[in-house]
Structure formats: structure tokens, C-alpha cells
Amino acid sequence: MPESLSPFTKQQLIPQEEKLEVFKKKGDLFIGIPKETAFQEKRVCLTPDAVYALVSNGHRVLIEAGAGENANFSDRDYSEAGAEVTNDTAKVFSCPMILKVEPPSLEQIKLINPQTIIISALQIKTQSKKYFEALAAKRVTALAFEFIRDDDGNYPAVRSLSEIAGTASVLIAAELLSDTKNGNGLMFGNISGVPPIQVVILGGGTVGEFASRSALGLGANVKVFDNSLTKLRRLQAHLGRPIFTSTIQPKNLTKALKRCDVVIGAVRGANRSPILVTDQMVQSMKKGSIIIDVSIDMGGCFETSEVTNHDKPTFLRHDVVHYCVPNIPARYPRTSSISISNIFTPYLLKIGEDGGLENSLRFDRGLKNGLYFYHGILTSKSVADWFDLDCSDINLLIF
């Protein structure tokens, strides 16, 4: 038949791909939020607004009574947002998915049903081998939110809490400096005719950046020390103004410490923070000056540092006030709770949209990075190396 008489064009006669419509089956999550029982932990992982967003998308939230009280969120706030509030702790821990700020204790793990999904912090340095054995026995799937990565390869939870810690360190220093008993009775602020406060910051990461931002905003003179020139360049670019920056050289650092009113330590290491300020350097500092050791959870970067808590946060050494509380964000529980909730909520909504955690893990490499247990199988190499345990590659378990 001549082509002109054919009912089809030449293009239409070529074999075509068949396109099938694929429906994603939306999953309904049932989330349990227990009250935090860890020492001085006042945060909660979801705010009432976040609960409302989840409930509006068809998910259920069961929260233990009083879970948000320390962060100034009442049970009524949660109830009106659509959450179910209960006094029964065991009932909360029996939910298929559990959200916590602190990792569950061994006693709490006993209340968890097999095959439960746990999303919380891991805090590997504070754990024991027994903790991981207990999780394995329950065949849980566990995610550590501090290891979850975003699309840019950053750790959103760590950055968010570091922003709070950096800003808080300056606010705490301002409070301690104004104390006439142990401090110098000085005020942060650029007052006409009064020399500004001298602040030294060790570390040019997120904590250092937000501490610098806050100190500069209050009118202080800021000096930042870090051995990474890349971090120092990035810090200057983010601040949008030139400030004193230097690599960590003992002579320059000692000179800066002798003149400063506040020094903030925010340097991290692989296993522990390096000690950058010796006992002798602290002795050379002004009487009544302030040390805020934000790195104390990693061992501290001052030789004179000792762990303190929110009830008794400071001590004097060589007439210098030391503030060495490991969990600084917990001092601002409402702000920290909103910050953590902002990280949790989009992930929970996405897990629901994807039809469950397993589907999300297949396609989200950043979320997969936070996984350390999958149905009772340890999948984190760093945990396995730290506690001498066997682990499996998650990519061989999830296809």
C-alpha cells in the first residue's frame, strides 16, 4: 500500500515504549513520643504544630502526658493539634514508630515491641555494647538523627543544634561576665567611650560562626582561631565582614588569651577534642574572665575543663570562670524543640508519602546514612568498629 494511503505515519509504525502509571501507596504512620527521662533533658522532638501537620496527613501521634511541659508545650496544645495523650508509658513504647531526643535506655528498650522503628540521637560515646545487643534482640530498625544527611551532604540536626550552642555560648558569657561576684561586672555592648569586650573563639565551624555572629552583633571585638584556612575563609564570607582570624599558634593564642574577657572553645576531633589551651595559658588570663567549653562533650579543648551540669554550671580555676555543660541546647528547650521538630517533620511526611521507611531508605541516601540498625542487623561500620561488633552493608539488605 502506498504510504500516502496508509492510516498511520512512518513514525507511528515504529515500535513504541509502553508507559505504565506507577502508584505510590501512601503509608499511615503511628508515632509514639515518650517523655524524656534523661538527666536534665527538657526537649521534645515534635511541637504541636508539627503534630497537626502529621495528623492532617492521616498519621496518628500518641504522646505521653507531660512530654512537652519542660519546653512550655502543654498536653492541651498537643490534644488540640490532634495527638492522643496518655499517662501509660508502656502504651507509648508499644507504637510501631518511636521518636525520642535522647536514645532509649535499656529499661525503655524492654518496653519496645519487636520490629519497632526508633528515631532518636545515638550518642555513640555514651553507649555500651549491651545497648546494641538489646536493640538487636528486639530486631528494631533504628535511625540516629545526628547522622542523617541532607541533599547538600550536611548534617542538618548537628548544624541546627550547633547554631543554638554557638549563639547560646555568647548569651551565657554575657550573663556570667556581668556577675559582680565572680565575673568582671562588664556588659556586652558597644557603649560610646567604653572599650568593647574582647572575645576569642577557638574553631571556625558552625558553633564558631554563630558565636562570632552573636558577639559581633553585641559589639564585641572577635578573634577566631582555627587551623583550617578553608573554614576561616568561609566564616568571613558568611559573616560578610573582615574579622581577626589566625591559625592556632601558641604565641599568638597566648597573647590573645591574656587580653580577652571571654574565650569560647568549639573545636572537635575524631575521637576527642584536642587540648589547645594549657593550664599555664589559663593562669595568664585576666581575673574574672570567662571560659565556655562547648567541646566538653568531646573531652574539652581546655586543660582545666571539667564536666558540669545545668544545676551547677560553673566553677573557678585560677580565678577564671569555667562553664563546661555538655548539653547547652537543653538550656533553651523550647527553641531546641522547635529546631529538632523542623528536622523531623519533613522526613516523617516523606516517609508517609513514600509508603513507609523501607521505601524512603531505598531512594534517600541521606536518610540511609542515619540508619544503624535494620531489623536487628547492625549496619553502621563506625558503631561496629567502636564496640567490636559484626555489621552488614545496608545496600546488600535493601534493594
Protein backbone atom coordinates (compact mmCIF):
# COMPACT_ATOMS: atom_id res chain seq x y z
CA MET A 1 0.00 0.00 0.00
CA PRO A 2 1.41 3.43 -0.88
CA GLU A 3 2.48 5.43 2.16
CA SER A 4 0.09 8.25 1.26
CA LEU A 5 -2.91 5.83 1.62
CA SER A 6 -1.76 4.30 4.98
CA PRO A 7 -3.79 5.37 8.05
CA PHE A 8 -0.51 5.53 10.04
CA THR A 9 2.57 7.67 9.61
CA LYS A 10 6.00 6.03 9.32
CA GLN A 11 6.82 7.27 12.90
CA GLN A 12 3.71 5.62 14.31
CA LEU A 13 4.63 2.27 12.79
CA ILE A 14 7.91 2.16 14.74
CA PRO A 15 7.55 0.10 18.00
CA GLN A 16 6.83 2.42 20.95
CA GLU A 17 7.70 2.16 24.66
CA GLU A 18 4.81 1.19 26.86
CA LYS A 19 4.41 3.61 29.78
CA LEU A 20 2.73 2.22 32.88
CA GLU A 21 1.49 4.53 35.60
CA VAL A 22 3.01 3.60 38.95
CA PHE A 23 1.02 4.44 42.05
CA LYS A 24 2.82 5.09 45.30
CA LYS A 25 0.89 3.59 48.17
CA LYS A 26 0.81 6.19 50.93
CA GLY A 27 1.66 4.81 54.36
CA ASP A 28 -0.09 5.86 57.56
CA LEU A 29 2.38 6.21 60.42
CA PHE A 30 1.59 5.57 64.09
CA ILE A 31 4.13 7.59 66.07
CA GLY A 32 4.79 7.36 69.81
CA ILE A 33 6.50 10.23 71.67
CA PRO A 34 7.54 9.28 75.23
CA LYS A 35 8.51 11.78 77.91
CA GLU A 36 12.29 12.28 78.12
CA THR A 37 13.76 10.84 81.32
CA ALA A 38 17.48 11.50 80.71
CA PHE A 39 19.26 13.80 83.19
CA GLN A 40 18.31 17.46 82.57
CA GLU A 41 16.80 16.68 79.17
CA LYS A 42 13.88 19.10 78.67
CA ARG A 43 13.39 18.92 74.91
CA VAL A 44 10.64 17.19 72.94
CA CYS A 45 11.07 16.05 69.32
CA LEU A 46 7.76 17.30 67.86
CA THR A 47 5.93 20.57 68.52
CA PRO A 48 2.10 20.79 68.47
CA ASP A 49 2.30 22.49 65.04
CA ALA A 50 4.33 19.54 63.69
CA VAL A 51 1.79 17.10 65.20
CA TYR A 52 -1.02 18.99 63.45
CA ALA A 53 0.82 18.70 60.10
CA LEU A 54 1.25 14.94 60.57
CA VAL A 55 -2.33 14.31 61.74
CA SER A 56 -3.65 16.39 58.81
CA ASN A 57 -1.80 13.96 56.51
CA GLY A 58 -3.55 10.95 58.01
CA HIS A 59 -0.93 9.88 60.57
CA ARG A 60 -1.53 9.08 64.27
CA VAL A 61 0.53 10.54 67.11
CA LEU A 62 0.43 9.15 70.66
CA ILE A 63 2.27 11.32 73.19
CA GLU A 64 2.98 10.68 76.85
CA ALA A 65 1.41 13.21 79.23
CA GLY A 66 3.87 15.93 80.23
CA ALA A 67 6.31 15.19 77.38
CA GLY A 68 6.33 18.82 76.25
CA GLU A 69 5.90 20.59 79.60
CA ASN A 70 9.58 21.47 80.09
CA ALA A 71 9.60 23.04 76.61
CA ASN A 72 6.43 25.00 77.50
CA PHE A 73 4.10 22.89 75.34
CA SER A 74 1.05 21.70 77.30
CA ASP A 75 -0.84 18.42 76.88
CA ARG A 76 -3.82 20.52 75.79
CA ASP A 77 -1.72 22.04 72.97
CA TYR A 78 -0.95 18.54 71.69
CA SER A 79 -4.51 17.31 72.15
CA GLU A 80 -5.92 20.26 70.18
CA ALA A 81 -3.34 19.57 67.43
CA GLY A 82 -4.80 16.08 67.04
CA ALA A 83 -2.48 13.95 69.17
CA GLU A 84 -3.68 11.29 71.58
CA VAL A 85 -2.34 11.97 75.09
CA THR A 86 -1.82 9.11 77.56
CA ASN A 87 -0.30 8.55 81.01
CA ASP A 88 0.60 4.96 80.08
CA THR A 89 4.34 4.92 79.26
CA ALA A 90 4.21 1.28 78.08
CA LYS A 91 1.44 2.15 75.61
CA VAL A 92 3.62 4.87 74.04
CA PHE A 93 6.57 2.49 73.71
CA SER A 94 4.33 -0.11 72.05
CA CYS A 95 3.83 2.17 68.98
CA PRO A 96 5.31 0.93 65.67
CA MET A 97 7.45 4.09 65.39
CA ILE A 98 9.03 5.86 68.37
CA LEU A 99 10.53 9.36 68.30
CA LYS A 100 12.93 10.47 71.03
CA VAL A 101 15.55 13.16 71.56
CA GLU A 102 17.83 11.03 73.75
CA PRO A 103 18.48 7.36 72.87
CA PRO A 104 16.18 4.94 74.74
CA SER A 105 17.56 3.45 77.96
CA LEU A 106 17.92 -0.31 78.48
CA GLU A 107 14.77 -0.25 80.65
CA GLN A 108 12.84 1.52 77.88
CA ILE A 109 14.07 -0.95 75.24
CA LYS A 110 12.36 -3.71 77.26
CA LEU A 111 9.01 -1.95 76.67
CA ILE A 112 9.53 -1.78 72.89
CA ASN A 113 7.80 -4.32 70.64
CA PRO A 114 9.85 -6.36 68.15
CA GLN A 115 10.29 -4.78 64.68
CA THR A 116 9.76 -1.25 66.04
CA ILE A 117 11.28 1.77 64.25
CA ILE A 118 13.23 4.08 66.56
CA ILE A 119 14.35 7.57 65.52
CA SER A 120 16.49 9.35 68.13
CA ALA A 121 20.01 10.54 68.82
CA LEU A 122 22.63 7.78 69.13
CA GLN A 123 25.36 9.50 71.19
CA ILE A 124 27.82 6.72 70.43
CA LYS A 125 30.35 7.94 73.05
CA THR A 126 27.87 7.34 75.91
CA GLN A 127 26.66 3.89 74.80
CA SER A 128 27.73 0.38 75.76
CA LYS A 129 27.82 -2.93 73.92
CA LYS A 130 24.75 -4.05 75.93
CA TYR A 131 22.68 -1.28 74.36
CA PHE A 132 23.26 -2.58 70.82
CA GLU A 133 22.74 -6.20 71.89
CA ALA A 134 19.36 -5.21 73.42
CA LEU A 135 18.32 -3.48 70.17
CA ALA A 136 19.40 -6.50 68.11
CA ALA A 137 17.33 -8.82 70.32
CA LYS A 138 14.23 -6.72 69.57
CA ARG A 139 15.01 -6.76 65.81
CA VAL A 140 14.46 -2.99 65.65
CA THR A 141 15.17 -0.61 62.80
CA ALA A 142 16.96 2.41 64.29
CA LEU A 143 17.95 5.80 62.86
CA ALA A 144 20.31 8.27 64.51
CA PHE A 145 19.18 11.78 63.56
CA GLU A 146 22.66 13.27 64.05
CA PHE A 147 23.94 11.10 61.14
CA ILE A 148 21.15 11.94 58.67
CA ARG A 149 22.46 13.98 55.72
CA ASP A 150 20.59 16.47 53.57
CA ASP A 151 20.86 16.96 49.79
CA ASP A 152 23.99 19.11 50.22
CA GLY A 153 25.79 16.45 52.24
CA ASN A 154 25.46 18.39 55.51
CA TYR A 155 24.12 17.05 58.81
CA PRO A 156 21.01 19.19 59.46
CA ALA A 157 20.47 18.10 63.09
CA VAL A 158 24.10 18.69 64.07
CA ARG A 159 24.17 22.06 62.31
CA SER A 160 20.91 23.18 63.87
CA LEU A 161 22.00 22.31 67.42
CA SER A 162 25.44 23.83 66.75
CA GLU A 163 23.77 27.10 65.75
CA ILE A 164 21.95 27.12 69.09
CA ALA A 165 25.11 26.22 71.03
CA GLY A 166 27.13 28.96 69.29
CA THR A 167 24.56 31.69 69.93
CA ALA A 168 23.92 30.43 73.48
CA SER A 169 27.64 30.46 74.38
CA VAL A 170 27.75 34.26 73.88
CA LEU A 171 24.50 34.82 75.80
CA ILE A 172 25.80 32.69 78.68
CA ALA A 173 29.14 34.53 78.62
CA ALA A 174 27.31 37.88 78.75
CA GLU A 175 25.38 36.69 81.78
CA LEU A 176 28.46 35.36 83.60
CA LEU A 177 30.56 38.43 82.75
CA SER A 178 28.00 40.79 84.26
CA ASP A 179 28.07 38.91 87.59
CA THR A 180 29.88 41.14 90.08
CA LYS A 181 30.74 38.21 92.40
CA ASN A 182 32.87 36.05 90.07
CA GLY A 183 32.74 37.97 86.77
CA ASN A 184 34.13 41.41 86.00
CA GLY A 185 30.82 43.28 86.04
CA LEU A 186 31.21 44.01 82.32
CA MET A 187 28.40 44.37 79.80
CA PHE A 188 28.47 43.07 76.24
CA GLY A 189 27.70 46.05 74.08
CA ASN A 190 29.30 48.80 72.06
CA ILE A 191 28.89 51.65 74.54
CA SER A 192 30.35 55.03 73.49
CA GLY A 193 33.65 55.72 75.22
CA VAL A 194 33.85 52.21 76.75
CA PRO A 195 36.37 49.67 75.32
CA PRO A 196 34.49 46.71 73.77
CA ILE A 197 34.58 43.18 75.17
CA GLN A 198 37.41 41.05 73.74
CA VAL A 199 36.21 37.59 72.63
CA VAL A 200 38.43 34.72 71.46
CA ILE A 201 36.77 31.83 69.61
CA LEU A 202 38.59 28.53 69.03
CA GLY A 203 37.14 26.79 65.98
CA GLY A 204 35.70 28.20 62.76
CA GLY A 205 32.87 25.68 62.30
CA THR A 206 29.13 26.24 62.80
CA VAL A 207 29.45 26.87 66.56
CA GLY A 208 32.30 29.34 65.94
CA GLU A 209 30.36 31.08 63.17
CA PHE A 210 27.22 31.65 65.24
CA ALA A 211 29.21 32.62 68.33
CA SER A 212 31.06 35.18 66.18
CA ARG A 213 27.81 36.46 64.69
CA SER A 214 26.25 36.94 68.14
CA ALA A 215 29.36 38.53 69.70
CA LEU A 216 29.77 40.95 66.78
CA GLY A 217 26.07 41.81 66.99
CA LEU A 218 26.57 42.81 70.62
CA GLY A 219 29.53 45.00 69.69
CA ALA A 220 32.44 42.83 70.84
CA ASN A 221 35.89 42.55 69.24
CA VAL A 222 36.21 38.99 67.96
CA LYS A 223 39.28 36.86 67.20
CA VAL A 224 38.80 33.42 65.64
CA PHE A 225 41.48 30.72 65.65
CA ASP A 226 41.36 27.58 63.51
CA ASN A 227 43.95 25.50 61.67
CA SER A 228 41.69 25.17 58.61
CA LEU A 229 42.09 28.15 56.29
CA THR A 230 39.04 26.95 54.35
CA LYS A 231 36.89 27.28 57.48
CA LEU A 232 38.30 30.72 58.24
CA ARG A 233 37.61 31.91 54.67
CA ARG A 234 34.08 30.51 54.78
CA LEU A 235 33.48 32.14 58.18
CA GLN A 236 34.50 35.57 56.86
CA ALA A 237 32.29 35.11 53.79
CA HIS A 238 29.27 34.08 55.89
CA LEU A 239 29.74 36.97 58.32
CA GLY A 240 30.09 39.40 55.43
CA ARG A 241 32.78 41.43 57.17
CA PRO A 242 36.51 41.12 57.87
CA ILE A 243 37.45 39.98 61.37
CA PHE A 244 40.70 38.86 63.02
CA THR A 245 41.41 35.26 62.04
CA SER A 246 44.51 33.19 62.68
CA THR A 247 45.83 29.67 62.58
CA ILE A 248 46.42 28.17 66.02
CA GLN A 249 49.94 29.19 67.01
CA PRO A 250 50.79 29.07 70.76
CA LYS A 251 52.44 32.52 70.80
CA ASN A 252 49.56 34.33 69.07
CA LEU A 253 46.94 32.40 71.03
CA THR A 254 48.59 33.12 74.41
CA LYS A 255 48.77 36.81 73.57
CA ALA A 256 45.05 36.88 72.64
CA LEU A 257 44.07 34.95 75.80
CA LYS A 258 45.92 37.39 78.07
CA ARG A 259 43.84 40.29 76.71
CA CYS A 260 40.43 38.63 76.25
CA ASP A 261 37.37 38.75 78.52
CA VAL A 262 35.69 35.66 77.04
CA VAL A 263 37.08 32.57 75.30
CA ILE A 264 34.78 30.04 73.62
CA GLY A 265 36.13 26.58 72.77
CA ALA A 266 34.39 24.94 69.81
CA VAL A 267 36.97 22.56 68.31
CA ARG A 268 36.08 18.95 67.51
CA GLY A 269 38.34 15.97 66.93
CA ALA A 270 37.91 12.46 65.54
CA ASN A 271 37.68 10.77 68.95
CA ARG A 272 38.17 13.70 71.35
CA SER A 273 38.74 17.43 71.13
CA PRO A 274 42.40 18.49 71.02
CA ILE A 275 43.61 20.40 74.09
CA LEU A 276 44.57 23.80 72.71
CA VAL A 277 44.71 25.83 75.93
CA THR A 278 47.06 24.59 78.66
CA ASP A 279 46.80 25.14 82.40
CA GLN A 280 49.60 27.73 82.14
CA MET A 281 47.69 29.66 79.45
CA VAL A 282 44.60 29.78 81.69
CA GLN A 283 46.75 31.13 84.55
CA SER A 284 47.83 34.01 82.33
CA MET A 285 44.21 35.10 81.69
CA LYS A 286 42.57 38.07 83.42
CA LYS A 287 40.86 37.52 86.76
CA GLY A 288 37.10 37.13 86.28
CA SER A 289 37.36 36.27 82.58
CA ILE A 290 35.08 33.55 81.19
CA ILE A 291 35.75 30.18 79.54
CA ILE A 292 32.84 28.50 77.72
CA ASP A 293 33.91 25.00 76.65
CA VAL A 294 31.33 23.92 74.05
CA SER A 295 33.59 20.95 73.17
CA ILE A 296 33.29 19.42 76.64
CA ASP A 297 31.10 16.58 75.31
CA MET A 298 34.17 15.51 73.28
CA GLY A 299 36.57 15.89 76.22
CA GLY A 300 37.05 19.68 76.09
CA CYS A 301 39.74 21.83 74.48
CA PHE A 302 40.96 23.43 77.75
CA GLU A 303 43.27 21.53 80.09
CA THR A 304 41.39 22.96 83.09
CA SER A 305 37.91 21.89 81.91
CA GLU A 306 35.72 19.53 83.96
CA VAL A 307 32.19 18.43 83.09
CA THR A 308 29.46 20.42 84.90
CA ASN A 309 25.65 20.42 84.61
CA HIS A 310 22.79 22.93 84.33
CA ASP A 311 22.21 22.91 88.13
CA LYS A 312 25.79 23.91 88.91
CA PRO A 313 27.19 25.02 85.55
CA THR A 314 30.35 26.91 86.59
CA PHE A 315 33.48 26.57 88.69
CA LEU A 316 36.52 28.77 89.33
CA ARG A 317 40.05 27.74 88.35
CA HIS A 318 42.93 30.25 88.53
CA ASP A 319 40.27 32.97 89.14
CA VAL A 320 38.79 32.23 85.71
CA VAL A 321 35.10 31.21 85.49
CA HIS A 322 34.66 27.90 83.60
CA TYR A 323 31.31 26.91 82.05
CA CYS A 324 31.52 23.28 80.91
CA VAL A 325 27.97 21.95 80.41
CA PRO A 326 27.86 19.26 77.67
CA ASN A 327 24.25 19.76 76.61
CA ILE A 328 23.99 23.55 76.09
CA PRO A 329 20.92 23.45 73.75
CA ALA A 330 18.86 21.83 76.56
CA ARG A 331 19.16 25.15 78.43
CA TYR A 332 16.80 26.57 75.78
CA PRO A 333 14.34 23.66 75.49
CA ARG A 334 11.60 25.41 73.52
CA THR A 335 13.96 26.80 70.86
CA SER A 336 15.78 23.46 70.62
CA SER A 337 12.50 21.53 70.38
CA ILE A 338 11.25 23.71 67.50
CA SER A 339 14.62 23.27 65.77
CA ILE A 340 14.58 19.45 66.14
CA SER A 341 10.90 19.32 65.12
CA ASN A 342 11.71 21.22 61.91
CA ILE A 343 14.16 18.45 61.01
CA PHE A 344 11.91 15.52 61.95
CA THR A 345 8.65 16.69 60.36
CA PRO A 346 9.62 16.81 56.63
CA TYR A 347 11.27 13.38 56.92
CA LEU A 348 8.19 11.86 58.62
CA LEU A 349 5.87 13.32 55.98
CA LYS A 350 8.14 11.99 53.22
CA ILE A 351 8.28 8.52 54.83
CA GLY A 352 4.47 8.53 54.84
CA GLU A 353 4.29 9.67 51.20
CA ASP A 354 6.81 7.01 50.14
CA GLY A 355 4.70 4.28 51.73
CA GLY A 356 6.95 3.56 54.72
CA LEU A 357 10.53 3.80 55.93
CA GLU A 358 11.84 0.98 53.74
CA ASN A 359 10.82 2.75 50.53
CA SER A 360 12.34 6.03 51.77
CA LEU A 361 15.62 4.28 52.58
CA ARG A 362 15.79 2.85 49.06
CA PHE A 363 15.81 6.28 47.41
CA ASP A 364 17.13 8.69 50.05
CA ARG A 365 20.88 8.20 50.57
CA GLY A 366 20.98 10.90 53.26
CA LEU A 367 18.33 9.15 55.35
CA LYS A 368 20.09 5.81 54.79
CA ASN A 369 23.25 7.38 56.23
CA GLY A 370 21.46 7.76 59.58
CA LEU A 371 20.47 4.07 59.75
CA TYR A 372 22.46 1.97 62.22
CA PHE A 373 20.08 -0.98 62.77
CA TYR A 374 17.90 -2.69 60.16
CA HIS A 375 15.54 -5.37 61.52
CA GLY A 376 18.06 -6.16 64.25
CA ILE A 377 21.09 -6.22 61.95
CA LEU A 378 23.79 -3.66 62.72
CA THR A 379 24.53 -1.61 59.58
CA SER A 380 26.86 1.12 60.91
CA LYS A 381 30.56 0.41 60.40
CA SER A 382 31.61 3.13 62.88
CA VAL A 383 29.46 1.53 65.64
CA ALA A 384 30.78 -1.93 64.73
CA ASP A 385 34.42 -0.76 64.89
CA TRP A 386 33.85 1.14 68.16
CA PHE A 387 32.26 -1.81 70.01
CA ASP A 388 33.86 -4.71 68.12
CA LEU A 389 30.55 -5.95 66.68
CA ASP A 390 29.64 -7.58 63.36
CA CYS A 391 27.89 -5.41 60.80
CA SER A 392 26.36 -5.76 57.33
CA ASP A 393 26.28 -3.37 54.40
CA ILE A 394 22.80 -1.82 54.23
CA ASN A 395 22.98 -1.79 50.41
CA LEU A 396 23.02 -5.60 50.46
CA LEU A 397 19.91 -5.69 52.67
CA ILE A 398 17.79 -3.08 50.85
CA PHE A 399 17.36 -3.44 47.11
